Amino acid sequence: MAGPQPSSRGQLVARAYEDACLTEVRALKPGNVGVHAGGHDMTVEDFVASARVSAPAMGRPGITVGERILAAVEATWAEVGCNTNLGIVLLCAPLAHAALAPGSGELRARVRGVLDRLTVADAELAFQAIRRAAPAGLGRSARHDVRDPPTATLLEAMAEAAGRDLIARQYAAAYEDVFAVGVSRIRDARADLAGGAPEAEAWAATSAYLAFLARFPDSHVARKYSLARAENVRRRAEVLEGEFRRCRRPMEMKRPLLDFDAALKAENVNPGTSADLTAASLLAVRLADILVGRNGG
């Protein structure tokens, strides 16, 4: 990316977030929007613009997690006028906040501290952001509904939804899936592809996406259609992911991946939560590197 190198921690975090979002868009993610195939009435340009305008909120010092979430969503809507990144923002805001926090410690420990300190005010601002983005399939909840004034912290509200929503589950479980599945798969793929394909980072993102899609019924699909439909997608992805992991050259899997992409889009199925988790995993890898000084931090 052109331009001067960022010098402050905030600039590094904002750059890491934008890079993670752009890498996620470059990845081949069956059913989701990317440079390989559009769909769902959204364009790659929408996602690129969303990454650019929401990045400053991720790197802004001195604001709360809730303020970070709302600022990023409002900037996105002002630019593209649609929901391109609510899940990404909800997942990435605590990660960015953790990297900006003073003191020492590895990223995941910092994230736990950020989550434990979330407040009712954070919940109100996050609820406002969710209402603004109006994601597809947003239903009603008996407790902690985003349309009602919050009576619990953002962590408590997310814990209530963790059984039905993978993004909420990350808050409740200190980002267990992001670190154990996404980060692990990206680091493994990076090592396997080192010195190989020029799009190695994008293929590492594809590997993480397939890992999420094969392990968990996608929350966005379940919310829009049903858990049974999401489980059907998961089972189909599980077969493809096994083939991808056995493949020595990712490009050999491009046609099967594109075929699955076309099939899902013909069904109007978008595994958006798996894509959001991929972006968060890419950011976590970058932030961990920043915290150990690999990227000028």
Protein backbone atom coordinates (compact mmCIF):
# COMPACT_ATOMS: atom_id res chain seq x y z
CA MET A 1 0.00 0.00 0.00
CA ALA A 2 1.42 3.37 -1.04
CA GLY A 3 2.05 6.25 1.32
CA PRO A 4 4.23 6.96 4.35
CA GLN A 5 4.78 4.23 6.88
CA PRO A 6 2.62 4.65 9.98
CA SER A 7 4.58 5.75 13.01
CA SER A 8 2.20 5.56 15.95
CA ARG A 9 0.54 2.51 17.46
CA GLY A 10 -2.85 3.87 16.40
CA GLN A 11 -1.71 4.23 12.80
CA LEU A 12 -0.29 0.71 12.87
CA VAL A 13 -3.56 -0.70 14.17
CA ALA A 14 -5.64 1.19 11.60
CA ARG A 15 -3.32 -0.01 8.82
CA ALA A 16 -3.46 -3.59 10.11
CA TYR A 17 -7.26 -3.49 10.14
CA GLU A 18 -7.51 -2.11 6.62
CA ASP A 19 -4.97 -4.63 5.32
CA ALA A 20 -6.88 -7.48 6.98
CA CYS A 21 -10.14 -6.35 5.38
CA LEU A 22 -8.53 -6.00 1.95
CA THR A 23 -6.88 -9.42 2.21
CA GLU A 24 -10.25 -10.94 3.12
CA VAL A 25 -11.75 -9.35 -0.02
CA ARG A 26 -8.92 -10.82 -2.14
CA ALA A 27 -9.52 -14.32 -0.81
CA LEU A 28 -11.62 -16.84 -2.68
CA LYS A 29 -14.51 -17.43 -0.25
CA PRO A 30 -17.32 -19.57 -1.68
CA GLY A 31 -20.67 -17.81 -1.33
CA ASN A 32 -19.16 -14.51 -0.20
CA VAL A 33 -18.22 -11.35 -2.09
CA GLY A 34 -14.61 -10.95 -3.23
CA VAL A 35 -12.44 -10.12 -6.20
CA HIS A 36 -13.12 -13.58 -7.65
CA ALA A 37 -16.89 -13.07 -7.74
CA GLY A 38 -19.39 -10.46 -6.62
CA GLY A 39 -22.92 -11.20 -5.55
CA HIS A 40 -25.68 -10.42 -3.05
CA ASP A 41 -26.16 -6.96 -4.60
CA MET A 42 -22.79 -5.77 -3.28
CA THR A 43 -19.53 -4.99 -5.05
CA VAL A 44 -15.88 -5.37 -4.21
CA GLU A 45 -15.59 -1.59 -4.36
CA ASP A 46 -18.13 -1.32 -1.52
CA PHE A 47 -15.94 -3.49 0.69
CA VAL A 48 -12.72 -1.71 -0.24
CA ALA A 49 -14.29 1.66 0.54
CA SER A 50 -15.73 0.32 3.79
CA ALA A 51 -12.32 -0.88 4.92
CA ARG A 52 -10.77 2.50 4.16
CA VAL A 53 -13.35 4.66 5.94
CA SER A 54 -13.81 2.43 9.00
CA ALA A 55 -10.09 1.99 9.66
CA PRO A 56 -9.53 5.34 11.45
CA ALA A 57 -12.03 4.39 14.16
CA MET A 58 -10.11 1.17 14.79
CA GLY A 59 -6.87 3.01 15.40
CA ARG A 60 -8.26 6.01 17.27
CA PRO A 61 -6.83 6.31 20.79
CA GLY A 62 -8.84 7.44 23.77
CA ILE A 63 -12.27 6.07 22.84
CA THR A 64 -14.27 3.14 24.17
CA VAL A 65 -15.02 -0.12 22.39
CA GLY A 66 -18.62 0.98 21.90
CA GLU A 67 -17.55 4.30 20.44
CA ARG A 68 -15.14 2.46 18.14
CA ILE A 69 -17.92 0.18 16.87
CA LEU A 70 -20.43 2.97 16.27
CA ALA A 71 -17.91 5.29 14.61
CA ALA A 72 -16.81 2.55 12.19
CA VAL A 73 -20.38 1.61 11.26
CA GLU A 74 -21.47 5.22 10.81
CA ALA A 75 -18.45 5.95 8.60
CA THR A 76 -19.26 2.88 6.50
CA TRP A 77 -22.88 3.87 6.00
CA ALA A 78 -21.96 7.42 5.10
CA GLU A 79 -19.66 6.05 2.40
CA VAL A 80 -21.48 3.04 0.90
CA GLY A 81 -25.01 3.18 2.29
CA CYS A 82 -25.30 -0.53 3.08
CA ASN A 83 -24.18 -3.15 5.59
CA THR A 84 -20.84 -4.42 4.34
CA ASN A 85 -18.95 -4.85 7.60
CA LEU A 86 -21.04 -4.91 10.79
CA GLY A 87 -19.75 -8.35 11.78
CA ILE A 88 -16.18 -7.40 10.98
CA VAL A 89 -16.46 -4.23 13.06
CA LEU A 90 -18.05 -6.03 16.03
CA LEU A 91 -15.26 -8.60 15.99
CA CYS A 92 -12.35 -6.29 15.27
CA ALA A 93 -13.12 -3.45 17.70
CA PRO A 94 -12.09 -5.40 20.85
CA LEU A 95 -8.99 -6.72 19.07
CA ALA A 96 -7.94 -3.23 18.02
CA HIS A 97 -8.73 -1.86 21.48
CA ALA A 98 -6.57 -4.56 23.05
CA ALA A 99 -3.62 -3.72 20.82
CA LEU A 100 -3.93 -0.03 21.69
CA ALA A 101 -4.08 -0.64 25.45
CA PRO A 102 -0.98 0.35 27.44
CA GLY A 103 1.15 -2.23 29.13
CA SER A 104 2.60 -5.54 28.08
CA GLY A 105 1.21 -8.99 27.39
CA GLU A 106 0.25 -11.06 24.39
CA LEU A 107 -2.82 -10.19 22.37
CA ARG A 108 -5.27 -12.78 23.67
CA ALA A 109 -4.62 -11.87 27.30
CA ARG A 110 -5.17 -8.23 26.41
CA VAL A 111 -8.43 -9.11 24.67
CA ARG A 112 -9.69 -10.87 27.80
CA GLY A 113 -9.01 -7.71 29.77
CA VAL A 114 -10.87 -5.55 27.25
CA LEU A 115 -13.89 -7.86 27.29
CA ASP A 116 -14.00 -7.92 31.09
CA ARG A 117 -14.06 -4.13 31.18
CA LEU A 118 -16.95 -3.67 28.72
CA THR A 119 -19.81 -1.56 30.08
CA VAL A 120 -23.54 -0.95 29.65
CA ALA A 121 -22.59 2.18 27.69
CA ASP A 122 -20.61 -0.01 25.27
CA ALA A 123 -23.72 -2.14 24.83
CA GLU A 124 -25.88 0.90 24.05
CA LEU A 125 -23.47 2.15 21.39
CA ALA A 126 -23.05 -1.33 19.88
CA PHE A 127 -26.84 -1.81 19.82
CA GLN A 128 -27.14 1.55 18.06
CA ALA A 129 -24.60 0.40 15.47
CA ILE A 130 -26.48 -2.87 14.93
CA ARG A 131 -29.75 -1.01 14.46
CA ARG A 132 -28.04 1.29 11.98
CA ALA A 133 -26.63 -1.59 9.96
CA ALA A 134 -29.92 -3.57 10.12
CA PRO A 135 -28.42 -6.97 9.24
CA ALA A 136 -30.57 -9.47 7.37
CA GLY A 137 -32.57 -11.83 9.55
CA LEU A 138 -32.31 -9.71 12.70
CA GLY A 139 -35.07 -11.05 14.92
CA ARG A 140 -36.30 -10.30 18.43
CA SER A 141 -34.71 -11.51 21.65
CA ALA A 142 -36.50 -12.05 24.93
CA ARG A 143 -33.59 -10.41 26.75
CA HIS A 144 -30.99 -7.87 25.62
CA ASP A 145 -32.79 -7.11 22.36
CA VAL A 146 -30.87 -4.47 20.41
CA ARG A 147 -34.06 -2.41 20.00
CA ASP A 148 -34.39 -1.97 23.76
CA PRO A 149 -32.23 0.06 26.15
CA PRO A 150 -29.51 -2.27 27.46
CA THR A 151 -29.58 -3.44 31.06
CA ALA A 152 -26.32 -5.40 30.90
CA THR A 153 -22.76 -4.88 29.73
CA LEU A 154 -21.86 -5.65 26.14
CA LEU A 155 -20.08 -8.82 27.28
CA GLU A 156 -23.15 -9.98 29.20
CA ALA A 157 -25.40 -9.28 26.23
CA MET A 158 -23.08 -11.17 23.90
CA ALA A 159 -22.89 -14.10 26.31
CA GLU A 160 -26.68 -14.34 26.18
CA ALA A 161 -26.53 -14.70 22.37
CA ALA A 162 -23.42 -16.90 22.22
CA GLY A 163 -25.36 -20.12 21.66
CA ARG A 164 -26.92 -18.85 18.45
CA ASP A 165 -24.38 -16.39 17.08
CA LEU A 166 -20.69 -17.02 16.37
CA ILE A 167 -19.75 -13.36 16.72
CA ALA A 168 -21.33 -13.19 20.17
CA ARG A 169 -19.57 -16.47 20.99
CA GLN A 170 -16.18 -14.82 20.42
CA TYR A 171 -16.95 -12.23 23.08
CA ALA A 172 -18.17 -14.89 25.52
CA ALA A 173 -15.20 -17.22 24.93
CA ALA A 174 -12.36 -14.69 24.69
CA TYR A 175 -12.10 -15.20 20.91
CA GLU A 176 -11.42 -18.92 21.23
CA ASP A 177 -12.42 -19.72 17.65
CA VAL A 178 -10.54 -16.77 16.17
CA PHE A 179 -7.29 -17.81 17.85
CA ALA A 180 -7.62 -21.60 17.81
CA VAL A 181 -9.07 -21.94 14.30
CA GLY A 182 -8.49 -18.78 12.27
CA VAL A 183 -5.12 -17.57 13.53
CA SER A 184 -3.77 -21.10 13.68
CA ARG A 185 -4.85 -21.87 10.12
CA ILE A 186 -3.45 -18.59 8.75
CA ARG A 187 -0.08 -19.14 10.40
CA ASP A 188 0.08 -22.74 9.15
CA ALA A 189 -0.87 -21.72 5.62
CA ARG A 190 1.65 -18.89 5.64
CA ALA A 191 4.39 -21.36 6.54
CA ASP A 192 3.28 -23.85 3.88
CA LEU A 193 3.05 -21.17 1.19
CA ALA A 194 6.21 -19.25 2.06
CA GLY A 195 8.08 -18.55 -1.15
CA GLY A 196 5.22 -20.03 -3.15
CA ALA A 197 2.19 -18.45 -4.76
CA PRO A 198 2.27 -14.64 -5.03
CA GLU A 199 -1.20 -14.51 -3.47
CA ALA A 200 -0.09 -16.59 -0.48
CA GLU A 201 -1.78 -14.32 2.08
CA ALA A 202 -5.10 -14.46 0.24
CA TRP A 203 -4.88 -18.26 0.05
CA ALA A 204 -4.14 -18.32 3.79
CA ALA A 205 -7.36 -16.36 4.27
CA THR A 206 -9.21 -18.88 2.08
CA SER A 207 -7.86 -21.65 4.30
CA ALA A 208 -9.19 -19.91 7.42
CA TYR A 209 -12.56 -19.23 5.79
CA LEU A 210 -13.00 -22.86 4.81
CA ALA A 211 -11.99 -23.95 8.31
CA PHE A 212 -14.74 -21.80 9.85
CA LEU A 213 -17.30 -22.80 7.24
CA ALA A 214 -16.56 -26.52 7.71
CA ARG A 215 -16.63 -26.43 11.51
CA PHE A 216 -19.58 -24.20 12.39
CA PRO A 217 -23.04 -23.67 10.89
CA ASP A 218 -22.73 -20.10 9.66
CA SER A 219 -24.72 -17.70 11.87
CA HIS A 220 -25.73 -15.42 9.01
CA VAL A 221 -27.14 -18.35 7.02
CA ALA A 222 -28.91 -19.72 10.11
CA ARG A 223 -30.39 -16.31 10.94
CA LYS A 224 -31.60 -15.67 7.41
CA TYR A 225 -32.86 -19.19 6.66
CA SER A 226 -32.54 -21.85 9.35
CA LEU A 227 -30.00 -23.80 11.35
CA ALA A 228 -30.72 -26.81 9.16
CA ARG A 229 -29.81 -24.82 6.05
CA ALA A 230 -26.60 -23.63 7.71
CA GLU A 231 -25.72 -27.19 8.69
CA ASN A 232 -26.26 -28.31 5.08
CA VAL A 233 -23.75 -25.67 3.93
CA ARG A 234 -21.33 -26.75 6.66
CA ARG A 235 -21.42 -30.39 5.55
CA ARG A 236 -20.78 -29.44 1.93
CA ALA A 237 -17.93 -27.17 2.98
CA GLU A 238 -16.41 -29.92 5.13
CA VAL A 239 -15.84 -32.08 2.06
CA LEU A 240 -14.26 -29.22 0.14
CA GLU A 241 -12.10 -28.16 3.06
CA GLY A 242 -10.70 -31.67 3.35
CA GLU A 243 -9.73 -31.60 -0.31
CA PHE A 244 -8.20 -28.13 0.11
CA ARG A 245 -6.04 -29.23 3.03
CA ARG A 246 -4.77 -32.26 1.12
CA CYS A 247 -3.93 -30.17 -1.93
CA ARG A 248 -0.30 -29.15 -2.32
CA ARG A 249 -1.01 -26.16 -4.56
CA PRO A 250 -4.04 -23.98 -3.72
CA MET A 251 -4.52 -22.98 -7.36
CA GLU A 252 -5.48 -26.59 -8.09
CA MET A 253 -8.59 -26.01 -5.97
CA LYS A 254 -9.66 -22.80 -7.66
CA ARG A 255 -12.23 -24.43 -9.96
CA PRO A 256 -13.95 -26.51 -7.23
CA LEU A 257 -14.04 -23.43 -5.00
CA LEU A 258 -15.56 -21.32 -7.76
CA ASP A 259 -18.10 -24.04 -8.49
CA PHE A 260 -19.15 -24.08 -4.83
CA ASP A 261 -19.27 -20.28 -4.89
CA ALA A 262 -21.61 -20.32 -7.88
CA ALA A 263 -23.83 -22.96 -6.27
CA LEU A 264 -24.19 -21.01 -3.02
CA LYS A 265 -24.92 -17.76 -4.80
CA ALA A 266 -27.51 -19.47 -6.99
CA GLU A 267 -29.18 -20.42 -3.69
CA ASN A 268 -28.75 -16.83 -2.42
CA VAL A 269 -26.65 -18.18 0.46
CA ASN A 270 -23.94 -15.93 1.88
CA PRO A 271 -21.83 -17.37 4.73
CA GLY A 272 -21.08 -13.87 5.95
CA THR A 273 -20.17 -14.78 9.51
CA SER A 274 -17.41 -17.11 8.31
CA ALA A 275 -16.02 -14.21 6.27
CA ASP A 276 -16.23 -11.89 9.29
CA LEU A 277 -14.33 -14.40 11.42
CA THR A 278 -11.70 -14.65 8.69
CA ALA A 279 -11.16 -10.89 8.68
CA ALA A 280 -10.88 -10.87 12.47
CA SER A 281 -8.35 -13.70 12.35
CA LEU A 282 -6.26 -11.84 9.78
CA LEU A 283 -6.31 -8.78 12.04
CA ALA A 284 -5.36 -10.83 15.09
CA VAL A 285 -2.30 -12.19 13.28
CA ARG A 286 -1.23 -8.67 12.31
CA LEU A 287 -1.83 -7.20 15.76
CA ALA A 288 0.09 -10.00 17.45
CA ASP A 289 3.02 -9.19 15.16
CA ILE A 290 2.74 -5.49 16.02
CA LEU A 291 2.83 -6.26 19.74
CA VAL A 292 6.09 -8.18 19.38
CA GLY A 293 7.59 -5.45 17.21
CA ARG A 294 7.57 -7.17 13.84
CA ASN A 295 5.83 -4.31 12.04
CA GLY A 296 7.44 -1.29 13.54
CA GLY A 297 5.41 -1.23 16.76
